[in-house]
PDB file of N, CA and C in Angstrom:
ATOM      1  N   MET A   1      -6.233  22.809  -2.192  1.00  0.00           N
ATOM      2  CA  MET A   1      -5.285  23.711  -2.808  1.00  0.00           C
ATOM      3  C   MET A   1      -4.932  23.198  -4.195  1.00  0.00           C
ATOM      4  N   LYS A   2      -4.764  24.121  -5.134  1.00  0.00           N
ATOM      5  CA  LYS A   2      -4.417  23.739  -6.495  1.00  0.00           C
ATOM      6  C   LYS A   2      -3.112  22.951  -6.570  1.00  0.00           C
ATOM      7  N   VAL A   3      -2.134  23.333  -5.752  1.00  0.00           N
ATOM      8  CA  VAL A   3      -0.848  22.651  -5.789  1.00  0.00           C
ATOM      9  C   VAL A   3      -0.996  21.170  -5.455  1.00  0.00           C
ATOM     10  N   MET A   4      -2.032  20.811  -4.732  1.00  0.00           N
ATOM     11  CA  MET A   4      -2.257  19.415  -4.374  1.00  0.00           C
ATOM     12  C   MET A   4      -3.030  18.662  -5.457  1.00  0.00           C
ATOM     13  N   GLN A   5      -3.610  19.367  -6.418  1.00  0.00           N
ATOM     14  CA  GLN A   5      -4.421  18.722  -7.449  1.00  0.00           C
ATOM     15  C   GLN A   5      -3.810  18.799  -8.846  1.00  0.00           C
ATOM     16  N   GLU A   6      -2.961  19.775  -9.086  1.00  0.00           N
ATOM     17  CA  GLU A   6      -2.365  19.955 -10.403  1.00  0.00           C
ATOM     18  C   GLU A   6      -1.154  19.037 -10.581  1.00  0.00           C
ATOM     19  N   GLU A   7      -0.802  18.814 -11.815  1.00  0.00           N
ATOM     20  CA  GLU A   7       0.377  18.009 -12.116  1.00  0.00           C
ATOM     21  C   GLU A   7       1.559  18.956 -12.299  1.00  0.00           C
ATOM     22  N   SER A   8       2.341  19.120 -11.256  1.00  0.00           N
ATOM     23  CA  SER A   8       3.462  20.057 -11.295  1.00  0.00           C
ATOM     24  C   SER A   8       4.763  19.295 -11.541  1.00  0.00           C
ATOM     25  N   PHE A   9       5.704  19.986 -12.152  1.00  0.00           N
ATOM     26  CA  PHE A   9       7.000  19.373 -12.456  1.00  0.00           C
ATOM     27  C   PHE A   9       8.118  20.208 -11.845  1.00  0.00           C
ATOM     28  N   GLY A  10       7.993  20.504 -10.577  1.00  0.00           N
ATOM     29  CA  GLY A  10       9.020  21.159  -9.790  1.00  0.00           C
ATOM     30  C   GLY A  10       9.281  22.599 -10.193  1.00  0.00           C
ATOM     31  N   PRO A  11       9.948  23.295  -9.360  1.00  0.00           N
ATOM     32  CA  PRO A  11      10.655  22.815  -8.175  1.00  0.00           C
ATOM     33  C   PRO A  11       9.793  22.823  -6.919  1.00  0.00           C
ATOM     34  N   ILE A  12       8.576  22.355  -7.018  1.00  0.00           N
ATOM     35  CA  ILE A  12       7.697  22.312  -5.850  1.00  0.00           C
ATOM     36  C   ILE A  12       7.183  20.898  -5.625  1.00  0.00           C
ATOM     37  N   ILE A  13       6.734  20.646  -4.420  1.00  0.00           N
ATOM     38  CA  ILE A  13       6.066  19.388  -4.101  1.00  0.00           C
ATOM     39  C   ILE A  13       5.033  19.689  -3.019  1.00  0.00           C
ATOM     40  N   GLY A  14       3.845  19.165  -3.194  1.00  0.00           N
ATOM     41  CA  GLY A  14       2.800  19.358  -2.202  1.00  0.00           C
ATOM     42  C   GLY A  14       2.892  18.303  -1.111  1.00  0.00           C
ATOM     43  N   ILE A  15       2.938  18.730   0.121  1.00  0.00           N
ATOM     44  CA  ILE A  15       2.975  17.821   1.270  1.00  0.00           C
ATOM     45  C   ILE A  15       1.863  18.257   2.213  1.00  0.00           C
ATOM     46  N   MET A  16       1.061  17.309   2.648  1.00  0.00           N
ATOM     47  CA  MET A  16      -0.062  17.645   3.497  1.00  0.00           C
ATOM     48  C   MET A  16      -0.211  16.603   4.595  1.00  0.00           C
ATOM     49  N   LYS A  17      -0.443  17.053   5.805  1.00  0.00           N
ATOM     50  CA  LYS A  17      -0.654  16.149   6.923  1.00  0.00           C
ATOM     51  C   LYS A  17      -2.092  15.640   6.879  1.00  0.00           C
ATOM     52  N   VAL A  18      -2.263  14.344   7.123  1.00  0.00           N
ATOM     53  CA  VAL A  18      -3.596  13.736   7.132  1.00  0.00           C
ATOM     54  C   VAL A  18      -3.788  12.956   8.425  1.00  0.00           C
ATOM     55  N   ALA A  19      -5.050  12.707   8.748  1.00  0.00           N
ATOM     56  CA  ALA A  19      -5.375  12.021   9.998  1.00  0.00           C
ATOM     57  C   ALA A  19      -5.092  10.525   9.932  1.00  0.00           C
ATOM     58  N   ASP A  20      -5.338   9.925   8.740  1.00  0.00           N
ATOM     59  CA  ASP A  20      -5.168   8.476   8.616  1.00  0.00           C
ATOM     60  C   ASP A  20      -5.061   8.087   7.145  1.00  0.00           C
ATOM     61  N   ASP A  21      -4.894   6.799   6.881  1.00  0.00           N
ATOM     62  CA  ASP A  21      -4.732   6.312   5.516  1.00  0.00           C
ATOM     63  C   ASP A  21      -5.963   6.585   4.656  1.00  0.00           C
ATOM     64  N   ASP A  22      -7.146   6.493   5.232  1.00  0.00           N
ATOM     65  CA  ASP A  22      -8.358   6.749   4.463  1.00  0.00           C
ATOM     66  C   ASP A  22      -8.402   8.185   3.961  1.00  0.00           C
ATOM     67  N   GLU A  23      -8.025   9.129   4.798  1.00  0.00           N
ATOM     68  CA  GLU A  23      -7.997  10.535   4.374  1.00  0.00           C
ATOM     69  C   GLU A  23      -6.912  10.741   3.312  1.00  0.00           C
ATOM     70  N   ALA A  24      -5.785  10.081   3.486  1.00  0.00           N
ATOM     71  CA  ALA A  24      -4.714  10.183   2.495  1.00  0.00           C
ATOM     72  C   ALA A  24      -5.196   9.673   1.136  1.00  0.00           C
ATOM     73  N   LEU A  25      -5.853   8.517   1.121  1.00  0.00           N
ATOM     74  CA  LEU A  25      -6.368   7.962  -0.133  1.00  0.00           C
ATOM     75  C   LEU A  25      -7.396   8.888  -0.777  1.00  0.00           C
ATOM     76  N   GLU A  26      -8.272   9.436   0.025  1.00  0.00           N
ATOM     77  CA  GLU A  26      -9.288  10.351  -0.489  1.00  0.00           C
ATOM     78  C   GLU A  26      -8.633  11.552  -1.167  1.00  0.00           C
ATOM     79  N   MET A  27      -7.620  12.103  -0.545  1.00  0.00           N
ATOM     80  CA  MET A  27      -6.936  13.268  -1.112  1.00  0.00           C
ATOM     81  C   MET A  27      -6.089  12.900  -2.321  1.00  0.00           C
ATOM     82  N   MET A  28      -5.472  11.724  -2.302  1.00  0.00           N
ATOM     83  CA  MET A  28      -4.655  11.303  -3.439  1.00  0.00           C
ATOM     84  C   MET A  28      -5.508  11.043  -4.680  1.00  0.00           C
ATOM     85  N   LYS A  29      -6.738  10.658  -4.486  1.00  0.00           N
ATOM     86  CA  LYS A  29      -7.642  10.382  -5.602  1.00  0.00           C
ATOM     87  C   LYS A  29      -8.306  11.646  -6.150  1.00  0.00           C
ATOM     88  N   ASP A  30      -8.190  12.758  -5.437  1.00  0.00           N
ATOM     89  CA  ASP A  30      -8.857  14.000  -5.808  1.00  0.00           C
ATOM     90  C   ASP A  30      -8.027  14.798  -6.816  1.00  0.00           C
ATOM     91  N   THR A  31      -7.819  14.212  -7.983  1.00  0.00           N
ATOM     92  CA  THR A  31      -7.056  14.866  -9.043  1.00  0.00           C
ATOM     93  C   THR A  31      -7.450  14.266 -10.385  1.00  0.00           C
ATOM     94  N   ALA A  32      -7.274  15.037 -11.430  1.00  0.00           N
ATOM     95  CA  ALA A  32      -7.541  14.557 -12.789  1.00  0.00           C
ATOM     96  C   ALA A  32      -6.293  13.938 -13.410  1.00  0.00           C
ATOM     97  N   TYR A  33      -5.215  13.869 -12.651  1.00  0.00           N
ATOM     98  CA  TYR A  33      -3.940  13.384 -13.169  1.00  0.00           C
ATOM     99  C   TYR A  33      -3.532  12.082 -12.494  1.00  0.00           C
ATOM    100  N   GLY A  34      -2.568  11.388 -13.094  1.00  0.00           N
ATOM    101  CA  GLY A  34      -2.131  10.123 -12.530  1.00  0.00           C
ATOM    102  C   GLY A  34      -0.797   9.668 -13.079  1.00  0.00           C
ATOM    103  N   LEU A  35       0.202  10.548 -13.047  1.00  0.00           N
ATOM    104  CA  LEU A  35       1.515  10.140 -13.526  1.00  0.00           C
ATOM    105  C   LEU A  35       2.224   9.296 -12.470  1.00  0.00           C
ATOM    106  N   THR A  36       2.398   9.832 -11.274  1.00  0.00           N
ATOM    107  CA  THR A  36       3.059   9.097 -10.195  1.00  0.00           C
ATOM    108  C   THR A  36       2.335   9.307  -8.873  1.00  0.00           C
ATOM    109  N   ALA A  37       2.582   8.426  -7.935  1.00  0.00           N
ATOM    110  CA  ALA A  37       2.102   8.556  -6.571  1.00  0.00           C
ATOM    111  C   ALA A  37       3.194   8.027  -5.656  1.00  0.00           C
ATOM    112  N   SER A  38       3.393   8.691  -4.525  1.00  0.00           N
ATOM    113  CA  SER A  38       4.420   8.287  -3.575  1.00  0.00           C
ATOM    114  C   SER A  38       3.827   8.098  -2.193  1.00  0.00           C
ATOM    115  N   VAL A  39       4.297   7.061  -1.516  1.00  0.00           N
ATOM    116  CA  VAL A  39       3.898   6.805  -0.138  1.00  0.00           C
ATOM    117  C   VAL A  39       5.173   6.655   0.688  1.00  0.00           C
ATOM    118  N   TYR A  40       5.220   7.371   1.786  1.00  0.00           N
ATOM    119  CA  TYR A  40       6.358   7.292   2.691  1.00  0.00           C
ATOM    120  C   TYR A  40       5.902   6.618   3.976  1.00  0.00           C
ATOM    121  N   SER A  41       6.474   5.465   4.257  1.00  0.00           N
ATOM    122  CA  SER A  41       6.079   4.676   5.424  1.00  0.00           C
ATOM    123  C   SER A  41       7.178   3.665   5.728  1.00  0.00           C
ATOM    124  N   ASP A  42       7.291   3.277   6.973  1.00  0.00           N
ATOM    125  CA  ASP A  42       8.247   2.221   7.321  1.00  0.00           C
ATOM    126  C   ASP A  42       7.623   0.835   7.178  1.00  0.00           C
ATOM    127  N   ASN A  43       6.372   0.784   6.726  1.00  0.00           N
ATOM    128  CA  ASN A  43       5.639  -0.473   6.591  1.00  0.00           C
ATOM    129  C   ASN A  43       5.313  -0.717   5.122  1.00  0.00           C
ATOM    130  N   ILE A  44       6.007  -1.663   4.498  1.00  0.00           N
ATOM    131  CA  ILE A  44       5.813  -1.903   3.068  1.00  0.00           C
ATOM    132  C   ILE A  44       4.412  -2.410   2.747  1.00  0.00           C
ATOM    133  N   ASP A  45       3.827  -3.219   3.619  1.00  0.00           N
ATOM    134  CA  ASP A  45       2.468  -3.705   3.368  1.00  0.00           C
ATOM    135  C   ASP A  45       1.472  -2.555   3.339  1.00  0.00           C
ATOM    136  N   ARG A  46       1.622  -1.631   4.245  1.00  0.00           N
ATOM    137  CA  ARG A  46       0.758  -0.452   4.298  1.00  0.00           C
ATOM    138  C   ARG A  46       0.934   0.390   3.030  1.00  0.00           C
ATOM    139  N   ALA A  47       2.172   0.602   2.619  1.00  0.00           N
ATOM    140  CA  ALA A  47       2.452   1.382   1.412  1.00  0.00           C
ATOM    141  C   ALA A  47       1.868   0.703   0.174  1.00  0.00           C
ATOM    142  N   GLU A  48       2.060  -0.593   0.038  1.00  0.00           N
ATOM    143  CA  GLU A  48       1.518  -1.322  -1.113  1.00  0.00           C
ATOM    144  C   GLU A  48      -0.004  -1.282  -1.125  1.00  0.00           C
ATOM    145  N   HIS A  49      -0.624  -1.367   0.043  1.00  0.00           N
ATOM    146  CA  HIS A  49      -2.081  -1.291   0.126  1.00  0.00           C
ATOM    147  C   HIS A  49      -2.578   0.059  -0.407  1.00  0.00           C
ATOM    148  N   ILE A  50      -1.929   1.135  -0.007  1.00  0.00           N
ATOM    149  CA  ILE A  50      -2.325   2.464  -0.469  1.00  0.00           C
ATOM    150  C   ILE A  50      -2.065   2.603  -1.966  1.00  0.00           C
ATOM    151  N   LEU A  51      -0.870   2.265  -2.409  1.00  0.00           N
ATOM    152  CA  LEU A  51      -0.517   2.430  -3.820  1.00  0.00           C
ATOM    153  C   LEU A  51      -1.388   1.578  -4.740  1.00  0.00           C
ATOM    154  N   SER A  52      -1.834   0.440  -4.268  1.00  0.00           N
ATOM    155  CA  SER A  52      -2.671  -0.426  -5.112  1.00  0.00           C
ATOM    156  C   SER A  52      -4.042   0.192  -5.377  1.00  0.00           C
ATOM    157  N   GLN A  53      -4.431   1.175  -4.582  1.00  0.00           N
ATOM    158  CA  GLN A  53      -5.733   1.808  -4.755  1.00  0.00           C
ATOM    159  C   GLN A  53      -5.664   3.135  -5.514  1.00  0.00           C
ATOM    160  N   ILE A  54      -4.479   3.544  -5.923  1.00  0.00           N
ATOM    161  CA  ILE A  54      -4.293   4.810  -6.614  1.00  0.00           C
ATOM    162  C   ILE A  54      -4.151   4.545  -8.116  1.00  0.00           C
ATOM    163  N   ASP A  55      -4.851   5.335  -8.914  1.00  0.00           N
ATOM    164  CA  ASP A  55      -4.808   5.206 -10.371  1.00  0.00           C
ATOM    165  C   ASP A  55      -3.672   6.065 -10.926  1.00  0.00           C
ATOM    166  N   SER A  56      -2.451   5.529 -10.845  1.00  0.00           N
ATOM    167  CA  SER A  56      -1.282   6.231 -11.374  1.00  0.00           C
ATOM    168  C   SER A  56      -0.434   5.266 -12.183  1.00  0.00           C
ATOM    169  N   GLY A  57       0.352   5.821 -13.088  1.00  0.00           N
ATOM    170  CA  GLY A  57       1.208   4.992 -13.925  1.00  0.00           C
ATOM    171  C   GLY A  57       2.384   4.408 -13.164  1.00  0.00           C
ATOM    172  N   THR A  58       2.870   5.131 -12.159  1.00  0.00           N
ATOM    173  CA  THR A  58       4.014   4.685 -11.371  1.00  0.00           C
ATOM    174  C   THR A  58       3.727   4.912  -9.894  1.00  0.00           C
ATOM    175  N   GLY A  59       4.079   3.946  -9.076  1.00  0.00           N
ATOM    176  CA  GLY A  59       3.953   4.078  -7.629  1.00  0.00           C
ATOM    177  C   GLY A  59       5.326   4.007  -6.987  1.00  0.00           C
ATOM    178  N   TYR A  60       5.571   4.888  -6.045  1.00  0.00           N
ATOM    179  CA  TYR A  60       6.845   4.927  -5.338  1.00  0.00           C
ATOM    180  C   TYR A  60       6.639   4.660  -3.853  1.00  0.00           C
ATOM    181  N   TRP A  61       7.583   3.947  -3.266  1.00  0.00           N
ATOM    182  CA  TRP A  61       7.600   3.736  -1.819  1.00  0.00           C
ATOM    183  C   TRP A  61       8.897   4.342  -1.296  1.00  0.00           C
ATOM    184  N   ASN A  62       8.773   5.338  -0.445  1.00  0.00           N
ATOM    185  CA  ASN A  62       9.888   6.035   0.189  1.00  0.00           C
ATOM    186  C   ASN A  62      10.854   6.685  -0.794  1.00  0.00           C
ATOM    187  N   CYS A  63      10.363   7.053  -1.948  1.00  0.00           N
ATOM    188  CA  CYS A  63      11.157   7.809  -2.910  1.00  0.00           C
ATOM    189  C   CYS A  63      10.202   8.401  -3.952  1.00  0.00           C
ATOM    190  N   CYS A  64      10.739   9.244  -4.801  1.00  0.00           N
ATOM    191  CA  CYS A  64       9.913   9.784  -5.890  1.00  0.00           C
ATOM    192  C   CYS A  64      10.782  10.189  -7.067  1.00  0.00           C
ATOM    193  N   ASP A  65      11.995   9.683  -7.119  1.00  0.00           N
ATOM    194  CA  ASP A  65      12.946  10.166  -8.113  1.00  0.00           C
ATOM    195  C   ASP A  65      13.628   9.046  -8.898  1.00  0.00           C
ATOM    196  N   ARG A  66      12.952   7.936  -9.070  1.00  0.00           N
ATOM    197  CA  ARG A  66      13.560   6.809  -9.775  1.00  0.00           C
ATOM    198  C   ARG A  66      12.847   6.570 -11.100  1.00  0.00           C
ATOM    199  N   VAL A  67      13.605   6.239 -12.104  1.00  0.00           N
ATOM    200  CA  VAL A  67      13.064   5.764 -13.371  1.00  0.00           C
ATOM    201  C   VAL A  67      13.874   4.533 -13.727  1.00  0.00           C
ATOM    202  N   SER A  68      13.208   3.435 -14.004  1.00  0.00           N
ATOM    203  CA  SER A  68      13.888   2.184 -14.324  1.00  0.00           C
ATOM    204  C   SER A  68      13.606   1.806 -15.764  1.00  0.00           C
ATOM    205  N   ALA A  69      14.647   1.561 -16.533  1.00  0.00           N
ATOM    206  CA  ALA A  69      14.494   1.244 -17.953  1.00  0.00           C
ATOM    207  C   ALA A  69      13.712  -0.043 -18.192  1.00  0.00           C
ATOM    208  N   GLY A  70      13.683  -0.935 -17.212  1.00  0.00           N
ATOM    209  CA  GLY A  70      13.021  -2.221 -17.389  1.00  0.00           C
ATOM    210  C   GLY A  70      11.521  -2.212 -17.163  1.00  0.00           C
ATOM    211  N   VAL A  71      10.990  -1.112 -16.645  1.00  0.00           N
ATOM    212  CA  VAL A  71       9.543  -1.041 -16.399  1.00  0.00           C
ATOM    213  C   VAL A  71       8.978   0.160 -17.141  1.00  0.00           C
ATOM    214  N   PRO A  72       7.719   0.078 -17.568  1.00  0.00           N
ATOM    215  CA  PRO A  72       7.149   1.181 -18.355  1.00  0.00           C
ATOM    216  C   PRO A  72       6.940   2.445 -17.519  1.00  0.00           C
ATOM    217  N   TRP A  73       7.086   3.593 -18.165  1.00  0.00           N
ATOM    218  CA  TRP A  73       6.779   4.893 -17.579  1.00  0.00           C
ATOM    219  C   TRP A  73       5.554   5.390 -18.321  1.00  0.00           C
ATOM    220  N   SER A  74       4.441   5.449 -17.636  1.00  0.00           N
ATOM    221  CA  SER A  74       3.191   5.843 -18.297  1.00  0.00           C
ATOM    222  C   SER A  74       2.332   6.623 -17.317  1.00  0.00           C
ATOM    223  N   GLY A  75       1.340   7.297 -17.851  1.00  0.00           N
ATOM    224  CA  GLY A  75       0.428   8.068 -17.023  1.00  0.00           C
ATOM    225  C   GLY A  75      -0.979   7.512 -17.089  1.00  0.00           C
ATOM    226  N   ARG A  76      -1.814   8.007 -16.235  1.00  0.00           N
ATOM    227  CA  ARG A  76      -3.232   7.656 -16.218  1.00  0.00           C
ATOM    228  C   ARG A  76      -4.031   8.943 -16.304  1.00  0.00           C
ATOM    229  N   LYS A  77      -5.303   8.807 -16.574  1.00  0.00           N
ATOM    230  CA  LYS A  77      -6.227   9.941 -16.640  1.00  0.00           C
ATOM    231  C   LYS A  77      -5.662  11.013 -17.573  1.00  0.00           C
ATOM    232  N   HIS A  78      -5.511  12.246 -17.123  1.00  0.00           N
ATOM    233  CA  HIS A  78      -5.031  13.331 -17.987  1.00  0.00           C
ATOM    234  C   HIS A  78      -3.508  13.457 -17.997  1.00  0.00           C
ATOM    235  N   SER A  79      -2.813  12.418 -17.619  1.00  0.00           N
ATOM    236  CA  SER A  79      -1.345  12.448 -17.593  1.00  0.00           C
ATOM    237  C   SER A  79      -0.740  11.778 -18.810  1.00  0.00           C
ATOM    238  N   GLY A  80      -1.367  11.897 -19.930  1.00  0.00           N
ATOM    239  CA  GLY A  80      -0.794  11.406 -21.172  1.00  0.00           C
ATOM    240  C   GLY A  80      -1.242  10.022 -21.564  1.00  0.00           C
ATOM    241  N   ILE A  81      -0.800   9.640 -22.746  1.00  0.00           N
ATOM    242  CA  ILE A  81      -1.127   8.323 -23.290  1.00  0.00           C
ATOM    243  C   ILE A  81       0.163   7.619 -23.681  1.00  0.00           C
ATOM    244  N   GLY A  82       0.087   6.331 -23.797  1.00  0.00           N
ATOM    245  CA  GLY A  82       1.251   5.563 -24.205  1.00  0.00           C
ATOM    246  C   GLY A  82       2.217   5.340 -23.062  1.00  0.00           C
ATOM    247  N   ALA A  83       3.389   4.831 -23.421  1.00  0.00           N
ATOM    248  CA  ALA A  83       4.407   4.521 -22.426  1.00  0.00           C
ATOM    249  C   ALA A  83       5.784   4.733 -23.025  1.00  0.00           C
ATOM    250  N   THR A  84       6.729   5.058 -22.172  1.00  0.00           N
ATOM    251  CA  THR A  84       8.131   5.069 -22.566  1.00  0.00           C
ATOM    252  C   THR A  84       8.838   4.042 -21.690  1.00  0.00           C
ATOM    253  N   LEU A  85      10.068   3.742 -22.048  1.00  0.00           N
ATOM    254  CA  LEU A  85      10.879   2.745 -21.343  1.00  0.00           C
ATOM    255  C   LEU A  85      10.267   1.353 -21.475  1.00  0.00           C
ATOM    256  N   SER A  86      10.952   0.371 -21.088  1.00  0.00           N
ATOM    257  CA  SER A  86      10.595  -1.045 -21.161  1.00  0.00           C
ATOM    258  C   SER A  86      10.292  -1.449 -22.601  1.00  0.00           C
ATOM    259  N   HIS A  87       9.913  -2.698 -22.794  1.00  0.00           N
ATOM    260  CA  HIS A  87       9.579  -3.159 -24.142  1.00  0.00           C
ATOM    261  C   HIS A  87       8.352  -2.438 -24.683  1.00  0.00           C
ATOM    262  N   GLN A  88       7.444  -1.998 -23.797  1.00  0.00           N
ATOM    263  CA  GLN A  88       6.254  -1.281 -24.254  1.00  0.00           C
ATOM    264  C   GLN A  88       6.621   0.070 -24.858  1.00  0.00           C
ATOM    265  N   GLY A  89       7.516   0.772 -24.219  1.00  0.00           N
ATOM    266  CA  GLY A  89       7.949   2.064 -24.735  1.00  0.00           C
ATOM    267  C   GLY A  89       8.763   1.946 -26.004  1.00  0.00           C
ATOM    268  N   LEU A  90       9.603   0.918 -26.086  1.00  0.00           N
ATOM    269  CA  LEU A  90      10.421   0.731 -27.288  1.00  0.00           C
ATOM    270  C   LEU A  90       9.565   0.441 -28.513  1.00  0.00           C
ATOM    271  N   ARG A  91       8.435  -0.190 -28.330  1.00  0.00           N
ATOM    272  CA  ARG A  91       7.547  -0.487 -29.459  1.00  0.00           C
ATOM    273  C   ARG A  91       7.042   0.784 -30.141  1.00  0.00           C
ATOM    274  N   ALA A  92       6.957   1.872 -29.407  1.00  0.00           N
ATOM    275  CA  ALA A  92       6.495   3.133 -29.995  1.00  0.00           C
ATOM    276  C   ALA A  92       7.467   3.640 -31.054  1.00  0.00           C
ATOM    277  N   PHE A  93       8.741   3.219 -30.987  1.00  0.00           N
ATOM    278  CA  PHE A  93       9.744   3.667 -31.940  1.00  0.00           C
ATOM    279  C   PHE A  93       9.983   2.665 -33.068  1.00  0.00           C
ATOM    280  N   ALA A  94       9.344   1.527 -33.002  1.00  0.00           N
ATOM    281  CA  ALA A  94       9.532   0.483 -34.010  1.00  0.00           C
ATOM    282  C   ALA A  94       8.517   0.651 -35.136  1.00  0.00           C
ATOM    283  N   LYS A  95       8.963   0.359 -36.345  1.00  0.00           N
ATOM    284  CA  LYS A  95       8.075   0.376 -37.503  1.00  0.00           C
ATOM    285  C   LYS A  95       8.102  -1.016 -38.123  1.00  0.00           C
ATOM    286  N   PRO A  96       7.146  -1.854 -37.740  1.00  0.00           N
ATOM    287  CA  PRO A  96       7.139  -3.210 -38.292  1.00  0.00           C
ATOM    288  C   PRO A  96       6.892  -3.194 -39.793  1.00  0.00           C
ATOM    289  N   LYS A  97       7.473  -4.131 -40.455  1.00  0.00           N
ATOM    290  CA  LYS A  97       7.297  -4.241 -41.907  1.00  0.00           C
ATOM    291  C   LYS A  97       7.261  -5.717 -42.255  1.00  0.00           C
ATOM    292  N   ALA A  98       6.282  -6.094 -43.029  1.00  0.00           N
ATOM    293  CA  ALA A  98       6.139  -7.505 -43.435  1.00  0.00           C
ATOM    294  C   ALA A  98       6.613  -7.670 -44.874  1.00  0.00           C
ATOM    295  N   TRP A  99       7.287  -8.771 -45.109  1.00  0.00           N
ATOM    296  CA  TRP A  99       7.725  -9.132 -46.460  1.00  0.00           C
ATOM    297  C   TRP A  99       7.060 -10.438 -46.844  1.00  0.00           C
ATOM    298  N   HIS A 100       6.439 -10.467 -47.985  1.00  0.00           N
ATOM    299  CA  HIS A 100       5.833 -11.692 -48.516  1.00  0.00           C
ATOM    300  C   HIS A 100       6.579 -12.017 -49.811  1.00  0.00           C
ATOM    301  N   LEU A 101       7.311 -13.114 -49.809  1.00  0.00           N
ATOM    302  CA  LEU A 101       8.162 -13.460 -50.952  1.00  0.00           C
ATOM    303  C   LEU A 101       7.738 -14.821 -51.510  1.00  0.00           C
ATOM    304  N   ARG A 102       7.799 -14.911 -52.810  1.00  0.00           N
ATOM    305  CA  ARG A 102       7.541 -16.185 -53.470  1.00  0.00           C
ATOM    306  C   ARG A 102       8.750 -16.516 -54.325  1.00  0.00           C
ATOM    307  N   SER A 103       9.235 -17.750 -54.204  1.00  0.00           N
ATOM    308  CA  SER A 103      10.396 -18.132 -54.991  1.00  0.00           C
ATOM    309  C   SER A 103       9.998 -18.653 -56.343  1.00  0.00           C
TER     310      SER A 103
END
């Protein structure tokens, strides 16, 4: 379904039942986008294993609505370039300038 492959920004969310983690990973990878990925599980090791195999800028465990100023917000694949937040994002707004002075 397109809703499961497109990068939507609400008020919808695609939820699909899968047989196992392998099927979930296969379906999560079947997209040209990679802004965020969420895993809902009572087992953090299982969630980290799944999220570590997904090409997304942000991974969520048991949530999907957090943004933290201390970590970068970035996308992968067709989900944009660059980063916001964190020191990486702040650099995008900085204009370095060098001064060379001789006394």
